[in-house]
Amino acid sequence: MNTLNKAVKNTTYILICVIAAVTGLIIALQFRTSNGAEQAVPVDRIEELTIEKKAVERDLNQLMEERIDLELKLEEAKKSSSAATEALESELLKNKLYGGLIAVEGQGIEVLLDNNPDSHYNIKDDDLLRVINDLRGAGAEAIAINEQRVIATTEVRLAGNHINVNLVRLSPPYKVAAIGPASTLRSSLELREGLKETLNDRGISVTIETKDNVVVPAYTGTLNFQYSQPTQKLERE
């Protein structure tokens, strides 16, 4: 992106300098033409000066045309720079969207899982992982557990009576918000011998609510890749 901006800036700077130089020549030629008309000229040089004046006027017209052409090119360069910037910003936004780095909203479901005090079974990390997998398999585009966005590097790990998600300690009840085809997402959890039935048999409460608008927050943790390197060389700035 920086290379593109530098190239556009250099081109723009060169065009501005050329336009300034051409403008200076136009002013000088106009001054020369004006002075030539006011000075007294010997009769024997009238024809010679007339030819010279026409040549100067021709050069002047040519320079004015060149200036107009350069101004048009400068305007095109500015438009091209703006279009390139917009394209890069759009691509960056798309990457953030896919990476879970921005909050999103849309139709989907909310699943509430809670322990039953009369049951000896509690919600495990495997249960939440199964919820995530079932929802992803049904077309979920964004998922969060108790406001913690689930991304590619998210860990879901049992820690005593709690479950850590993105290194954040969460306590029940666990609310899973998912954006995607609402009816399909719900059906994936309500299949015969599916997740809801399995958890209910263990005494765990599972409530599923279909919503026209579900908000899933952005991932707020730190992304730090120490060992993974791109297989293609990145362009140096």
Protein backbone atom coordinates (compact mmCIF):
# COMPACT_ATOMS: atom_id res chain seq x y z
CA MET A 1 0.00 0.00 0.00
CA ASN A 2 2.87 2.36 0.89
CA THR A 3 4.59 1.58 -2.42
CA LEU A 4 1.41 2.45 -4.32
CA ASN A 5 0.96 5.69 -2.38
CA LYS A 6 4.60 6.68 -2.98
CA ALA A 7 4.27 6.02 -6.71
CA VAL A 8 1.09 8.09 -6.94
CA LYS A 9 2.62 10.88 -4.88
CA ASN A 10 5.75 10.93 -7.07
CA THR A 11 3.66 11.02 -10.23
CA THR A 12 1.48 13.78 -8.83
CA TYR A 13 4.53 15.81 -7.75
CA ILE A 14 6.13 15.49 -11.19
CA LEU A 15 2.92 16.54 -12.95
CA ILE A 16 2.55 19.56 -10.66
CA CYS A 17 6.16 20.63 -11.38
CA VAL A 18 5.66 20.24 -15.12
CA ILE A 19 2.41 22.23 -14.99
CA ALA A 20 4.18 24.98 -13.06
CA ALA A 21 7.01 25.07 -15.60
CA VAL A 22 4.59 25.15 -18.52
CA THR A 23 2.63 27.93 -16.85
CA GLY A 24 5.84 29.93 -16.49
CA LEU A 25 6.64 29.46 -20.18
CA ILE A 26 3.13 30.55 -21.14
CA ILE A 27 3.45 33.74 -19.10
CA ALA A 28 6.88 34.46 -20.59
CA LEU A 29 5.66 33.90 -24.14
CA GLN A 30 2.60 36.05 -23.54
CA PHE A 31 4.86 38.82 -22.24
CA ARG A 32 7.15 38.43 -25.22
CA THR A 33 4.25 38.56 -27.68
CA SER A 34 2.82 41.63 -25.97
CA ASN A 35 6.14 43.47 -25.98
CA GLY A 36 6.77 42.61 -29.59
CA ALA A 37 3.49 44.25 -30.56
CA GLU A 38 4.24 47.49 -28.68
CA GLN A 39 7.85 48.17 -29.84
CA ALA A 40 8.58 50.20 -32.94
CA VAL A 41 9.68 47.90 -35.73
CA PRO A 42 11.55 48.90 -38.91
CA VAL A 43 9.60 48.33 -42.08
CA ASP A 44 12.17 45.90 -43.45
CA ARG A 45 11.67 43.62 -40.44
CA ILE A 46 7.88 43.56 -40.39
CA GLU A 47 7.65 40.35 -42.36
CA GLU A 48 10.36 38.67 -40.28
CA LEU A 49 8.73 39.69 -37.00
CA THR A 50 5.31 38.63 -38.26
CA ILE A 51 6.64 35.14 -38.92
CA GLU A 52 8.35 35.09 -35.53
CA LYS A 53 5.18 36.27 -33.79
CA LYS A 54 3.15 33.51 -35.43
CA ALA A 55 5.74 30.98 -34.33
CA VAL A 56 5.61 32.28 -30.77
CA GLU A 57 1.80 32.19 -30.78
CA ARG A 58 1.90 28.65 -32.13
CA ASP A 59 4.28 27.61 -29.37
CA LEU A 60 2.07 29.37 -26.85
CA ASN A 61 -1.03 27.50 -28.03
CA GLN A 62 0.84 24.22 -27.94
CA LEU A 63 2.03 24.86 -24.40
CA MET A 64 -1.49 25.76 -23.30
CA GLU A 65 -2.77 22.50 -24.79
CA GLU A 66 0.00 20.59 -23.03
CA ARG A 67 -0.90 22.26 -19.76
CA ILE A 68 -4.56 21.24 -20.13
CA ASP A 69 -3.46 17.68 -20.92
CA LEU A 70 -1.19 17.61 -17.87
CA GLU A 71 -3.95 18.92 -15.63
CA LEU A 72 -6.24 16.16 -16.88
CA LYS A 73 -3.55 13.56 -16.17
CA LEU A 74 -3.06 15.01 -12.70
CA GLU A 75 -6.79 14.73 -12.02
CA GLU A 76 -6.79 11.13 -13.27
CA ALA A 77 -3.83 10.34 -10.99
CA LYS A 78 -5.74 11.71 -8.00
CA LYS A 79 -8.85 9.68 -8.90
CA SER A 80 -6.73 6.55 -9.38
CA SER A 81 -5.13 7.07 -5.98
CA SER A 82 -8.55 7.49 -4.35
CA ALA A 83 -9.91 4.34 -6.03
CA ALA A 84 -6.85 2.31 -5.00
CA THR A 85 -7.16 3.51 -1.41
CA GLU A 86 -10.85 2.61 -1.30
CA ALA A 87 -10.10 -0.86 -2.70
CA LEU A 88 -7.40 -1.47 -0.09
CA GLU A 89 -9.63 -0.23 2.74
CA SER A 90 -12.41 -2.53 1.52
CA GLU A 91 -10.02 -5.49 1.46
CA LEU A 92 -8.76 -4.65 4.96
CA LEU A 93 -12.34 -4.48 6.27
CA LYS A 94 -13.09 -7.85 4.67
CA ASN A 95 -10.02 -9.41 6.31
CA LYS A 96 -11.05 -8.01 9.70
CA LEU A 97 -14.54 -9.40 9.17
CA TYR A 98 -13.26 -12.89 8.36
CA GLY A 99 -10.77 -12.74 11.23
CA GLY A 100 -13.37 -11.77 13.82
CA LEU A 101 -11.68 -8.45 14.55
CA ILE A 102 -14.82 -6.34 14.16
CA ALA A 103 -18.26 -6.62 15.74
CA VAL A 104 -20.99 -8.00 13.49
CA GLU A 105 -24.75 -8.42 13.58
CA GLY A 106 -27.40 -10.36 11.72
CA GLN A 107 -30.00 -13.09 12.06
CA GLY A 108 -29.11 -16.07 14.17
CA ILE A 109 -29.70 -17.77 17.49
CA GLU A 110 -28.76 -17.48 21.15
CA VAL A 111 -28.18 -20.64 23.15
CA LEU A 112 -28.22 -20.56 26.95
CA LEU A 113 -26.60 -23.46 28.78
CA ASP A 114 -26.81 -23.73 32.58
CA ASN A 115 -26.02 -26.28 35.24
CA ASN A 116 -28.80 -27.90 37.23
CA PRO A 117 -28.13 -27.64 40.97
CA ASP A 118 -29.92 -30.97 41.46
CA SER A 119 -27.67 -32.72 38.96
CA HIS A 120 -24.19 -34.13 39.49
CA TYR A 121 -23.24 -33.20 35.94
CA ASN A 122 -21.83 -29.80 35.04
CA ILE A 123 -21.14 -28.20 31.68
CA LYS A 124 -17.70 -29.20 30.38
CA ASP A 125 -15.41 -27.58 27.86
CA ASP A 126 -16.21 -30.46 25.49
CA ASP A 127 -19.87 -29.42 25.58
CA LEU A 128 -19.07 -25.88 24.47
CA LEU A 129 -16.70 -27.18 21.80
CA ARG A 130 -19.48 -29.39 20.45
CA VAL A 131 -21.84 -26.40 20.36
CA ILE A 132 -19.24 -24.45 18.38
CA ASN A 133 -18.62 -27.31 15.95
CA ASP A 134 -22.32 -28.02 15.38
CA LEU A 135 -23.06 -24.34 14.75
CA ARG A 136 -20.12 -23.95 12.38
CA GLY A 137 -21.19 -27.05 10.52
CA ALA A 138 -24.66 -25.52 10.13
CA GLY A 139 -23.28 -22.32 8.59
CA ALA A 140 -22.56 -20.02 11.54
CA GLU A 141 -20.44 -17.08 10.38
CA ALA A 142 -19.70 -15.59 13.81
CA ILE A 143 -19.86 -17.09 17.31
CA ALA A 144 -19.31 -15.71 20.81
CA ILE A 145 -19.49 -17.30 24.25
CA ASN A 146 -20.38 -14.87 27.06
CA GLU A 147 -19.20 -11.99 24.84
CA GLN A 148 -15.92 -13.73 23.99
CA ARG A 149 -15.55 -13.94 20.19
CA VAL A 150 -14.58 -17.36 18.92
CA ILE A 151 -11.83 -17.17 16.28
CA ALA A 152 -9.32 -19.61 14.79
CA THR A 153 -6.94 -19.39 17.78
CA THR A 154 -9.61 -19.46 20.51
CA GLU A 155 -9.08 -22.06 23.21
CA VAL A 156 -11.96 -23.51 25.25
CA ARG A 157 -10.52 -25.18 28.31
CA LEU A 158 -11.92 -26.46 31.59
CA ALA A 159 -10.40 -24.76 34.66
CA GLY A 160 -11.90 -26.16 37.85
CA ASN A 161 -15.53 -25.10 38.07
CA HIS A 162 -15.04 -22.59 35.28
CA ILE A 163 -14.22 -22.64 31.59
CA ASN A 164 -11.59 -20.40 30.04
CA VAL A 165 -12.30 -18.91 26.62
CA ASN A 166 -9.62 -16.67 25.06
CA LEU A 167 -7.82 -16.95 28.44
CA VAL A 168 -10.84 -15.30 30.08
CA ARG A 169 -12.46 -17.14 32.99
CA LEU A 170 -16.17 -17.69 32.36
CA SER A 171 -18.85 -18.95 34.71
CA PRO A 172 -22.23 -20.51 33.93
CA PRO A 173 -24.73 -19.84 32.56
CA TYR A 174 -23.00 -19.80 29.18
CA LYS A 175 -24.67 -17.78 26.45
CA VAL A 176 -23.60 -18.74 22.95
CA ALA A 177 -24.50 -16.17 20.28
CA ALA A 178 -24.27 -17.25 16.65
CA ILE A 179 -24.95 -15.42 13.39
CA GLY A 180 -26.09 -17.42 10.38
CA PRO A 181 -29.20 -19.11 8.92
CA ALA A 182 -31.28 -19.09 12.09
CA SER A 183 -33.58 -22.05 11.38
CA THR A 184 -30.67 -24.24 10.23
CA LEU A 185 -28.57 -23.34 13.26
CA ARG A 186 -31.42 -24.20 15.61
CA SER A 187 -32.20 -27.47 13.87
CA SER A 188 -28.56 -28.56 14.12
CA LEU A 189 -28.80 -28.46 17.91
CA GLU A 190 -32.28 -30.00 18.16
CA LEU A 191 -31.62 -33.14 16.14
CA ARG A 192 -32.71 -36.48 17.59
CA GLU A 193 -29.93 -37.58 19.95
CA GLY A 194 -28.29 -34.28 19.16
CA LEU A 195 -26.61 -31.80 21.47
CA LYS A 196 -29.70 -30.48 23.22
CA GLU A 197 -31.12 -33.92 23.90
CA THR A 198 -27.76 -35.21 25.13
CA LEU A 199 -27.24 -32.32 27.53
CA ASN A 200 -30.83 -32.47 28.78
CA ASP A 201 -30.34 -36.15 29.61
CA ARG A 202 -27.43 -35.08 31.82
CA GLY A 203 -29.62 -32.54 33.59
CA ILE A 204 -28.13 -29.52 31.85
CA SER A 205 -30.58 -26.80 30.81
CA VAL A 206 -30.44 -25.80 27.14
CA THR A 207 -32.56 -22.92 25.87
CA ILE A 208 -32.46 -21.93 22.21
CA GLU A 209 -33.91 -18.66 20.96
CA THR A 210 -34.15 -17.61 17.31
CA LYS A 211 -33.55 -13.90 16.71
CA ASP A 212 -33.77 -11.55 13.75
CA ASN A 213 -30.73 -9.65 15.00
CA VAL A 214 -27.87 -11.08 17.00
CA VAL A 215 -24.82 -9.00 17.89
CA VAL A 216 -21.45 -10.73 18.13
CA PRO A 217 -18.60 -8.59 19.53
CA ALA A 218 -15.12 -8.29 18.08
CA TYR A 219 -12.18 -10.32 19.33
CA THR A 220 -10.27 -8.15 21.81
CA GLY A 221 -7.35 -10.40 22.66
CA THR A 222 -3.81 -10.29 21.32
CA LEU A 223 -2.79 -11.99 18.09
CA ASN A 224 0.87 -12.97 18.20
CA PHE A 225 2.33 -15.36 15.63
CA GLN A 226 5.90 -16.27 16.62
CA TYR A 227 6.46 -19.40 14.56
CA SER A 228 4.09 -19.18 11.60
CA GLN A 229 5.50 -17.42 8.56
CA PRO A 230 3.78 -16.77 5.21
CA THR A 231 4.87 -19.14 2.46
CA GLN A 232 4.95 -16.19 0.06
CA LYS A 233 7.35 -13.30 0.63
CA LEU A 234 5.66 -10.11 1.73
CA GLU A 235 6.49 -6.91 -0.12
CA ARG A 236 8.87 -4.79 1.91
CA GLU A 237 7.76 -1.23 2.60
